[in-house]
């Protein structure tokens, strides 16, 4: 039987965003300023399940699965390099029309998030690693 945090995550509707080189799986929680939650390797958006109930009280949280992990589908065109994952995160925000966002990242996701901030500095409001 899943705990309440796991149930909170699993009960949320799963979405996908086609960015061309991948179909990014994600779940959206809460309302307020946008917050991208970037997991490390070899994890998935499920990593954030225990903090999502609180974060979603103040933010619109996007718990996504990076290419090669979770439910995200990738193609031969997917760039798995650190800068490539940063560009993937930017393409995800572009596809969803997210104008500005905060980022929380852990493990190797921290490196991906740093490349995102370099790729998209005008929209990245804050970065917590």
C-alpha atoms as a PDB file:
ATOM      1  CA  UNK A   1       0.000   0.000   0.000  1.00  0.00           C
ATOM      2  CA  UNK A   2       1.569   3.334  -1.068  1.00  0.00           C
ATOM      3  CA  UNK A   3       2.106   5.973   1.610  1.00  0.00           C
ATOM      4  CA  UNK A   4       0.170   9.257   1.421  1.00  0.00           C
ATOM      5  CA  UNK A   5       2.964  11.144  -0.378  1.00  0.00           C
ATOM      6  CA  UNK A   6       3.233   8.408  -3.005  1.00  0.00           C
ATOM      7  CA  UNK A   7      -0.555   8.357  -3.417  1.00  0.00           C
ATOM      8  CA  UNK A   8      -0.562  12.179  -3.796  1.00  0.00           C
ATOM      9  CA  UNK A   9       1.925  11.837  -6.654  1.00  0.00           C
ATOM     10  CA  UNK A  10       0.415   8.782  -8.331  1.00  0.00           C
ATOM     11  CA  UNK A  11      -3.137  10.163  -8.202  1.00  0.00           C
ATOM     12  CA  UNK A  12      -2.122  13.228 -10.238  1.00  0.00           C
ATOM     13  CA  UNK A  13      -2.882  13.104 -13.934  1.00  0.00           C
ATOM     14  CA  UNK A  14       0.112  12.152 -16.083  1.00  0.00           C
ATOM     15  CA  UNK A  15       0.806  14.459 -19.045  1.00  0.00           C
ATOM     16  CA  UNK A  16       3.343  14.524 -21.843  1.00  0.00           C
ATOM     17  CA  UNK A  17       4.921  17.347 -23.809  1.00  0.00           C
ATOM     18  CA  UNK A  18       6.366  16.638 -27.238  1.00  0.00           C
ATOM     19  CA  UNK A  19       9.546  18.682 -27.670  1.00  0.00           C
ATOM     20  CA  UNK A  20      10.616  17.021 -30.918  1.00  0.00           C
ATOM     21  CA  UNK A  21      13.573  15.002 -29.644  1.00  0.00           C
ATOM     22  CA  UNK A  22      11.545  13.484 -26.782  1.00  0.00           C
ATOM     23  CA  UNK A  23       8.062  13.224 -25.322  1.00  0.00           C
ATOM     24  CA  UNK A  24       8.520  14.490 -21.759  1.00  0.00           C
ATOM     25  CA  UNK A  25       6.296  12.816 -19.152  1.00  0.00           C
ATOM     26  CA  UNK A  26       5.294  15.070 -16.270  1.00  0.00           C
ATOM     27  CA  UNK A  27       2.765  15.708 -13.540  1.00  0.00           C
ATOM     28  CA  UNK A  28       1.556  19.161 -12.497  1.00  0.00           C
ATOM     29  CA  UNK A  29       0.631  20.114  -8.941  1.00  0.00           C
ATOM     30  CA  UNK A  30      -0.648  23.239  -7.192  1.00  0.00           C
ATOM     31  CA  UNK A  31      -0.866  26.852  -8.258  1.00  0.00           C
ATOM     32  CA  UNK A  32       1.290  29.944  -8.108  1.00  0.00           C
ATOM     33  CA  UNK A  33       4.672  30.695  -9.662  1.00  0.00           C
ATOM     34  CA  UNK A  34       6.127  27.909 -11.816  1.00  0.00           C
ATOM     35  CA  UNK A  35       8.628  25.542 -10.204  1.00  0.00           C
ATOM     36  CA  UNK A  36      10.521  22.929 -12.229  1.00  0.00           C
ATOM     37  CA  UNK A  37      11.632  19.916 -10.197  1.00  0.00           C
ATOM     38  CA  UNK A  38      14.678  18.292 -11.805  1.00  0.00           C
ATOM     39  CA  UNK A  39      15.647  14.810 -10.621  1.00  0.00           C
ATOM     40  CA  UNK A  40      18.998  13.103 -10.917  1.00  0.00           C
ATOM     41  CA  UNK A  41      20.107   9.865 -12.545  1.00  0.00           C
ATOM     42  CA  UNK A  42      18.671   7.201 -12.641  1.00  0.00           C
ATOM     43  CA  UNK A  43      15.528   8.560 -10.997  1.00  0.00           C
ATOM     44  CA  UNK A  44      12.249  10.174 -12.126  1.00  0.00           C
ATOM     45  CA  UNK A  45       9.737  12.830 -11.112  1.00  0.00           C
ATOM     46  CA  UNK A  46       8.540  10.397  -8.420  1.00  0.00           C
ATOM     47  CA  UNK A  47      11.668  11.474  -6.502  1.00  0.00           C
ATOM     48  CA  UNK A  48       9.818  14.640  -5.440  1.00  0.00           C
ATOM     49  CA  UNK A  49       6.722  12.932  -3.995  1.00  0.00           C
ATOM     50  CA  UNK A  50       7.492  13.743  -0.331  1.00  0.00           C
ATOM     51  CA  UNK A  51       8.017  17.485  -0.853  1.00  0.00           C
ATOM     52  CA  UNK A  52       5.293  18.050  -3.456  1.00  0.00           C
ATOM     53  CA  UNK A  53       2.369  18.328  -1.002  1.00  0.00           C
ATOM     54  CA  UNK A  54       4.009  21.337   0.677  1.00  0.00           C
ATOM     55  CA  UNK A  55       5.580  22.935  -2.396  1.00  0.00           C
ATOM     56  CA  UNK A  56       2.299  22.733  -4.305  1.00  0.00           C
ATOM     57  CA  UNK A  57       0.655  24.972  -1.696  1.00  0.00           C
ATOM     58  CA  UNK A  58       2.716  27.903  -3.028  1.00  0.00           C
ATOM     59  CA  UNK A  59       3.896  26.902  -6.501  1.00  0.00           C
ATOM     60  CA  UNK A  60       2.726  25.298  -9.710  1.00  0.00           C
ATOM     61  CA  UNK A  61       5.091  22.326  -9.572  1.00  0.00           C
ATOM     62  CA  UNK A  62       6.192  20.431 -12.662  1.00  0.00           C
ATOM     63  CA  UNK A  63       7.631  17.031 -11.734  1.00  0.00           C
ATOM     64  CA  UNK A  64       9.024  15.734 -14.999  1.00  0.00           C
ATOM     65  CA  UNK A  65      10.883  12.618 -16.087  1.00  0.00           C
ATOM     66  CA  UNK A  66      14.076  13.416 -17.970  1.00  0.00           C
ATOM     67  CA  UNK A  67      14.802  11.537 -21.210  1.00  0.00           C
ATOM     68  CA  UNK A  68      15.969   8.000 -20.596  1.00  0.00           C
ATOM     69  CA  UNK A  69      14.212   7.856 -17.228  1.00  0.00           C
ATOM     70  CA  UNK A  70      10.695   7.322 -15.961  1.00  0.00           C
ATOM     71  CA  UNK A  71       7.925   7.428 -18.548  1.00  0.00           C
ATOM     72  CA  UNK A  72       9.592   9.891 -20.937  1.00  0.00           C
ATOM     73  CA  UNK A  73      10.042   8.621 -24.486  1.00  0.00           C
ATOM     74  CA  UNK A  74      13.230   9.549 -26.315  1.00  0.00           C
ATOM     75  CA  UNK A  75      14.433   9.342 -29.913  1.00  0.00           C
ATOM     76  CA  UNK A  76      17.741   9.006 -31.738  1.00  0.00           C
ATOM     77  CA  UNK A  77      17.818  12.824 -31.759  1.00  0.00           C
ATOM     78  CA  UNK A  78      17.747  13.089 -27.942  1.00  0.00           C
ATOM     79  CA  UNK A  79      20.894  14.733 -26.584  1.00  0.00           C
ATOM     80  CA  UNK A  80      21.796  13.043 -23.282  1.00  0.00           C
ATOM     81  CA  UNK A  81      24.795  15.296 -22.568  1.00  0.00           C
ATOM     82  CA  UNK A  82      24.667  17.724 -19.644  1.00  0.00           C
ATOM     83  CA  UNK A  83      24.162  20.753 -21.935  1.00  0.00           C
ATOM     84  CA  UNK A  84      21.657  18.709 -23.967  1.00  0.00           C
ATOM     85  CA  UNK A  85      19.578  17.971 -20.868  1.00  0.00           C
ATOM     86  CA  UNK A  86      19.632  21.708 -20.088  1.00  0.00           C
ATOM     87  CA  UNK A  87      18.308  22.423 -23.592  1.00  0.00           C
ATOM     88  CA  UNK A  88      15.658  19.710 -23.075  1.00  0.00           C
ATOM     89  CA  UNK A  89      14.471  21.459 -19.909  1.00  0.00           C
ATOM     90  CA  UNK A  90      14.287  24.776 -21.769  1.00  0.00           C
ATOM     91  CA  UNK A  91      12.344  23.135 -24.616  1.00  0.00           C
ATOM     92  CA  UNK A  92       9.954  21.688 -22.014  1.00  0.00           C
ATOM     93  CA  UNK A  93       9.313  25.149 -20.516  1.00  0.00           C
ATOM     94  CA  UNK A  94       8.932  26.577 -24.036  1.00  0.00           C
ATOM     95  CA  UNK A  95       6.438  23.866 -25.035  1.00  0.00           C
ATOM     96  CA  UNK A  96       4.296  24.479 -21.944  1.00  0.00           C
ATOM     97  CA  UNK A  97       4.479  28.260 -22.405  1.00  0.00           C
ATOM     98  CA  UNK A  98       6.032  28.827 -18.992  1.00  0.00           C
ATOM     99  CA  UNK A  99       7.197  32.441 -19.053  1.00  0.00           C
ATOM    100  CA  UNK A 100       9.380  32.438 -15.917  1.00  0.00           C
ATOM    101  CA  UNK A 101      10.203  29.738 -13.414  1.00  0.00           C
ATOM    102  CA  UNK A 102      12.105  28.660 -10.338  1.00  0.00           C
ATOM    103  CA  UNK A 103      14.126  25.436 -10.339  1.00  0.00           C
ATOM    104  CA  UNK A 104      14.916  22.898  -7.629  1.00  0.00           C
ATOM    105  CA  UNK A 105      17.285  20.104  -8.596  1.00  0.00           C
ATOM    106  CA  UNK A 106      19.063  17.235  -6.895  1.00  0.00           C
ATOM    107  CA  UNK A 107      21.944  14.897  -7.722  1.00  0.00           C
ATOM    108  CA  UNK A 108      22.937  15.036 -11.421  1.00  0.00           C
ATOM    109  CA  UNK A 109      19.777  17.054 -12.006  1.00  0.00           C
ATOM    110  CA  UNK A 110      21.731  19.906 -10.412  1.00  0.00           C
ATOM    111  CA  UNK A 111      24.145  19.877 -13.329  1.00  0.00           C
ATOM    112  CA  UNK A 112      21.271  19.736 -15.820  1.00  0.00           C
ATOM    113  CA  UNK A 113      19.620  22.678 -14.023  1.00  0.00           C
ATOM    114  CA  UNK A 114      22.827  24.740 -14.146  1.00  0.00           C
ATOM    115  CA  UNK A 115      22.957  24.232 -17.899  1.00  0.00           C
ATOM    116  CA  UNK A 116      19.284  25.250 -18.088  1.00  0.00           C
ATOM    117  CA  UNK A 117      20.096  28.473 -16.213  1.00  0.00           C
ATOM    118  CA  UNK A 118      22.950  29.158 -18.648  1.00  0.00           C
ATOM    119  CA  UNK A 119      20.687  28.409 -21.628  1.00  0.00           C
ATOM    120  CA  UNK A 120      17.695  30.421 -20.354  1.00  0.00           C
ATOM    121  CA  UNK A 121      18.932  33.034 -17.852  1.00  0.00           C
ATOM    122  CA  UNK A 122      16.176  35.603 -18.434  1.00  0.00           C
ATOM    123  CA  UNK A 123      13.416  33.161 -17.430  1.00  0.00           C
ATOM    124  CA  UNK A 124      15.199  31.305 -14.623  1.00  0.00           C
ATOM    125  CA  UNK A 125      14.190  33.229 -11.489  1.00  0.00           C
ATOM    126  CA  UNK A 126      16.036  31.110  -8.933  1.00  0.00           C
ATOM    127  CA  UNK A 127      17.995  27.898  -8.740  1.00  0.00           C
ATOM    128  CA  UNK A 128      18.232  25.666  -5.650  1.00  0.00           C
ATOM    129  CA  UNK A 129      20.568  22.698  -5.829  1.00  0.00           C
END
